[in-house]
Amino acid sequence: MPKTAILESTGFMPVLQIREGEIMKELKNLIDEEKNINVLVIAANVDKKDNNPGPIINSLVSKELSNFRVPVMIVPGNFSNEHIALLT
């Protein structure tokens, strides 16, 4: 979804954050720094040939979940924009 479509539908301009370092540490730092982040939504890998949902989700469910100040929502990676809009 282009950023202008997100702005029109939500009233907010999306921001792209690029960071270097260990993924989980940087993700936690971002959430701690940006107080307007209220939920973390992550799409899981839905490749039927690969039962691995992805490295971030694996880390979250195994050891990191309690270290976040926001709720975490994991959705299937094949959800359409319309389906996601119904959840929000």
N, C-alpha and C. Protein backbone atom coordinates (compact mmCIF):
# COMPACT_ATOMS: atom_id res chain seq x y z
N MET A 1 0.86 -1.17 0.00
CA MET A 1 0.00 0.00 0.00
C MET A 1 0.91 1.23 0.00
N PRO A 2 0.75 2.12 -0.97
CA PRO A 2 1.59 3.33 -1.01
C PRO A 2 1.35 4.22 0.21
N LYS A 3 2.37 4.99 0.57
CA LYS A 3 2.26 5.82 1.77
C LYS A 3 1.13 6.82 1.68
N THR A 4 0.81 7.32 0.48
CA THR A 4 -0.30 8.27 0.36
C THR A 4 -1.63 7.60 0.66
N ALA A 5 -1.78 6.32 0.29
CA ALA A 5 -3.01 5.59 0.59
C ALA A 5 -3.14 5.37 2.10
N ILE A 6 -2.03 5.13 2.76
CA ILE A 6 -2.05 4.96 4.22
C ILE A 6 -2.43 6.28 4.88
N LEU A 7 -1.85 7.37 4.39
CA LEU A 7 -2.18 8.69 4.92
C LEU A 7 -3.66 8.99 4.75
N GLU A 8 -4.20 8.70 3.57
CA GLU A 8 -5.61 8.96 3.32
C GLU A 8 -6.53 8.10 4.19
N SER A 9 -6.16 6.85 4.41
CA SER A 9 -7.05 5.96 5.16
C SER A 9 -6.90 6.09 6.68
N THR A 10 -5.74 6.54 7.16
CA THR A 10 -5.52 6.59 8.61
C THR A 10 -5.31 8.00 9.14
N GLY A 11 -4.90 8.91 8.27
CA GLY A 11 -4.56 10.26 8.74
C GLY A 11 -3.14 10.37 9.24
N PHE A 12 -2.38 9.29 9.14
CA PHE A 12 -0.99 9.28 9.61
C PHE A 12 -0.06 8.94 8.45
N MET A 13 1.08 9.62 8.40
CA MET A 13 2.09 9.32 7.40
C MET A 13 3.01 8.24 7.94
N PRO A 14 3.17 7.12 7.22
CA PRO A 14 4.08 6.07 7.70
C PRO A 14 5.53 6.54 7.68
N VAL A 15 6.31 5.98 8.58
CA VAL A 15 7.72 6.32 8.68
C VAL A 15 8.53 5.05 8.52
N LEU A 16 9.53 5.10 7.67
CA LEU A 16 10.43 3.96 7.47
C LEU A 16 11.63 4.13 8.38
N GLN A 17 11.88 3.12 9.20
CA GLN A 17 13.04 3.13 10.10
C GLN A 17 14.05 2.11 9.59
N ILE A 18 15.28 2.54 9.41
CA ILE A 18 16.35 1.62 9.02
C ILE A 18 17.40 1.68 10.12
N ARG A 19 17.73 0.51 10.66
CA ARG A 19 18.70 0.44 11.74
C ARG A 19 19.68 -0.69 11.47
N GLU A 20 20.85 -0.56 12.05
CA GLU A 20 21.84 -1.62 11.97
C GLU A 20 22.02 -2.22 13.35
N GLY A 21 22.24 -3.52 13.36
CA GLY A 21 22.48 -4.18 14.64
C GLY A 21 21.67 -5.45 14.75
N GLU A 22 21.62 -5.98 15.95
CA GLU A 22 20.88 -7.21 16.22
C GLU A 22 19.38 -6.90 16.13
N ILE A 23 18.66 -7.70 15.37
CA ILE A 23 17.27 -7.40 15.03
C ILE A 23 16.40 -7.17 16.26
N MET A 24 16.40 -8.08 17.20
CA MET A 24 15.50 -7.97 18.35
C MET A 24 15.86 -6.77 19.23
N LYS A 25 17.14 -6.52 19.40
CA LYS A 25 17.57 -5.39 20.22
C LYS A 25 17.12 -4.08 19.57
N GLU A 26 17.30 -3.96 18.27
CA GLU A 26 16.92 -2.73 17.57
C GLU A 26 15.40 -2.56 17.52
N LEU A 27 14.67 -3.66 17.36
CA LEU A 27 13.22 -3.59 17.37
C LEU A 27 12.72 -3.12 18.74
N LYS A 28 13.26 -3.67 19.80
CA LYS A 28 12.88 -3.25 21.15
C LYS A 28 13.26 -1.79 21.38
N ASN A 29 14.45 -1.38 20.95
CA ASN A 29 14.86 0.02 21.11
C ASN A 29 13.91 0.96 20.38
N LEU A 30 13.52 0.59 19.17
CA LEU A 30 12.59 1.42 18.40
C LEU A 30 11.27 1.59 19.14
N ILE A 31 10.72 0.49 19.63
CA ILE A 31 9.44 0.55 20.35
C ILE A 31 9.59 1.37 21.63
N ASP A 32 10.69 1.24 22.33
CA ASP A 32 10.91 2.02 23.55
C ASP A 32 11.08 3.51 23.25
N GLU A 33 11.72 3.84 22.13
CA GLU A 33 11.96 5.24 21.77
C GLU A 33 10.72 5.93 21.21
N GLU A 34 9.95 5.21 20.43
CA GLU A 34 8.78 5.79 19.78
C GLU A 34 7.53 5.50 20.61
N LYS A 35 7.20 6.41 21.48
CA LYS A 35 6.10 6.19 22.42
C LYS A 35 4.73 6.12 21.74
N ASN A 36 4.64 6.53 20.48
CA ASN A 36 3.36 6.46 19.76
C ASN A 36 3.11 5.08 19.15
N ILE A 37 4.06 4.16 19.28
CA ILE A 37 3.84 2.78 18.84
C ILE A 37 3.07 2.07 19.94
N ASN A 38 1.86 1.59 19.61
CA ASN A 38 0.99 0.98 20.61
C ASN A 38 0.82 -0.51 20.44
N VAL A 39 1.20 -1.05 19.31
CA VAL A 39 1.09 -2.49 19.06
C VAL A 39 2.12 -2.86 17.99
N LEU A 40 2.66 -4.05 18.10
CA LEU A 40 3.59 -4.58 17.10
C LEU A 40 2.85 -5.65 16.31
N VAL A 41 2.68 -5.43 15.02
CA VAL A 41 2.00 -6.40 14.15
C VAL A 41 3.05 -6.99 13.22
N ILE A 42 3.16 -8.31 13.24
CA ILE A 42 4.16 -9.01 12.43
C ILE A 42 3.45 -10.06 11.59
N ALA A 43 3.82 -10.14 10.32
CA ALA A 43 3.27 -11.17 9.43
C ALA A 43 4.16 -12.40 9.45
N ALA A 44 3.53 -13.55 9.66
CA ALA A 44 4.26 -14.82 9.69
C ALA A 44 4.42 -15.38 8.29
N ASN A 45 5.51 -16.07 8.06
CA ASN A 45 5.75 -16.77 6.81
C ASN A 45 4.66 -17.82 6.62
N VAL A 46 4.07 -17.87 5.43
CA VAL A 46 3.00 -18.85 5.18
C VAL A 46 3.39 -19.85 4.09
N ASP A 47 4.67 -19.94 3.81
CA ASP A 47 5.16 -20.89 2.81
C ASP A 47 4.96 -22.31 3.32
N LYS A 48 4.13 -23.08 2.62
CA LYS A 48 3.82 -24.45 3.07
C LYS A 48 5.03 -25.36 3.05
N LYS A 49 6.05 -25.01 2.27
CA LYS A 49 7.27 -25.82 2.21
C LYS A 49 8.19 -25.54 3.39
N ASP A 50 7.94 -24.42 4.08
CA ASP A 50 8.81 -24.00 5.17
C ASP A 50 7.95 -23.75 6.41
N ASN A 51 8.06 -24.59 7.42
CA ASN A 51 7.26 -24.45 8.64
C ASN A 51 7.80 -23.38 9.59
N ASN A 52 8.82 -22.66 9.19
CA ASN A 52 9.43 -21.64 10.02
C ASN A 52 8.70 -20.31 9.81
N PRO A 53 8.08 -19.73 10.87
CA PRO A 53 7.34 -18.48 10.69
C PRO A 53 8.22 -17.26 10.48
N GLY A 54 9.50 -17.38 10.75
CA GLY A 54 10.44 -16.28 10.56
C GLY A 54 11.26 -16.03 11.81
N PRO A 55 12.44 -15.42 11.66
CA PRO A 55 13.35 -15.26 12.80
C PRO A 55 12.82 -14.34 13.90
N ILE A 56 12.10 -13.29 13.54
CA ILE A 56 11.58 -12.39 14.57
C ILE A 56 10.52 -13.09 15.39
N ILE A 57 9.61 -13.80 14.73
CA ILE A 57 8.55 -14.51 15.45
C ILE A 57 9.15 -15.62 16.31
N ASN A 58 10.10 -16.35 15.78
CA ASN A 58 10.76 -17.39 16.58
C ASN A 58 11.37 -16.81 17.85
N SER A 59 12.04 -15.70 17.72
CA SER A 59 12.67 -15.07 18.88
C SER A 59 11.63 -14.54 19.85
N LEU A 60 10.56 -13.95 19.33
CA LEU A 60 9.50 -13.42 20.20
C LEU A 60 8.87 -14.51 21.04
N VAL A 61 8.48 -15.59 20.41
CA VAL A 61 7.75 -16.62 21.15
C VAL A 61 8.66 -17.46 22.04
N SER A 62 9.95 -17.46 21.76
CA SER A 62 10.84 -18.28 22.58
C SER A 62 11.41 -17.54 23.79
N LYS A 63 11.69 -16.23 23.64
CA LYS A 63 12.36 -15.57 24.77
C LYS A 63 12.14 -14.08 24.89
N GLU A 64 11.65 -13.40 23.89
CA GLU A 64 11.61 -11.93 23.91
C GLU A 64 10.25 -11.31 24.23
N LEU A 65 9.19 -12.08 24.17
CA LEU A 65 7.84 -11.51 24.26
C LEU A 65 7.63 -10.67 25.51
N SER A 66 8.12 -11.10 26.62
CA SER A 66 7.91 -10.36 27.87
C SER A 66 8.76 -9.10 27.97
N ASN A 67 9.66 -8.89 27.02
CA ASN A 67 10.54 -7.72 27.05
C ASN A 67 9.97 -6.52 26.31
N PHE A 68 8.77 -6.63 25.74
CA PHE A 68 8.19 -5.54 24.97
C PHE A 68 7.13 -4.82 25.80
N ARG A 69 7.03 -3.51 25.65
CA ARG A 69 6.05 -2.72 26.38
C ARG A 69 4.71 -2.64 25.67
N VAL A 70 4.62 -3.25 24.47
CA VAL A 70 3.38 -3.21 23.69
C VAL A 70 2.92 -4.64 23.40
N PRO A 71 1.61 -4.82 23.14
CA PRO A 71 1.16 -6.15 22.73
C PRO A 71 1.71 -6.50 21.35
N VAL A 72 1.84 -7.79 21.10
CA VAL A 72 2.35 -8.28 19.82
C VAL A 72 1.24 -9.08 19.14
N MET A 73 0.96 -8.74 17.87
CA MET A 73 -0.04 -9.45 17.08
C MET A 73 0.66 -10.12 15.91
N ILE A 74 0.48 -11.42 15.79
CA ILE A 74 1.06 -12.17 14.67
C ILE A 74 -0.07 -12.55 13.74
N VAL A 75 0.05 -12.13 12.48
CA VAL A 75 -0.97 -12.43 11.48
C VAL A 75 -0.35 -13.27 10.36
N PRO A 76 -1.16 -14.06 9.67
CA PRO A 76 -0.62 -14.79 8.52
C PRO A 76 -0.12 -13.82 7.45
N GLY A 77 0.98 -14.14 6.85
CA GLY A 77 1.58 -13.26 5.86
C GLY A 77 0.80 -13.13 4.57
N ASN A 78 -0.23 -13.95 4.39
CA ASN A 78 -1.01 -13.87 3.16
C ASN A 78 -2.31 -13.08 3.32
N PHE A 79 -2.48 -12.37 4.43
CA PHE A 79 -3.67 -11.53 4.60
C PHE A 79 -3.67 -10.40 3.58
N SER A 80 -4.81 -10.10 3.03
CA SER A 80 -4.94 -8.96 2.12
C SER A 80 -5.02 -7.67 2.93
N ASN A 81 -4.83 -6.54 2.27
CA ASN A 81 -4.96 -5.25 2.94
C ASN A 81 -6.37 -5.09 3.53
N GLU A 82 -7.36 -5.58 2.80
CA GLU A 82 -8.74 -5.48 3.26
C GLU A 82 -8.96 -6.30 4.54
N HIS A 83 -8.37 -7.49 4.58
CA HIS A 83 -8.49 -8.33 5.77
C HIS A 83 -7.82 -7.68 6.97
N ILE A 84 -6.65 -7.13 6.75
CA ILE A 84 -5.94 -6.45 7.83
C ILE A 84 -6.72 -5.24 8.33
N ALA A 85 -7.34 -4.51 7.39
CA ALA A 85 -8.14 -3.35 7.77
C ALA A 85 -9.30 -3.74 8.69
N LEU A 86 -9.85 -4.93 8.50
CA LEU A 86 -10.94 -5.40 9.37
C LEU A 86 -10.48 -5.62 10.80
N LEU A 87 -9.19 -5.92 10.98
CA LEU A 87 -8.64 -6.18 12.30
C LEU A 87 -8.30 -4.91 13.07
N THR A 88 -8.12 -3.82 12.36
CA THR A 88 -7.64 -2.59 13.01
C THR A 88 -8.71 -1.58 13.23
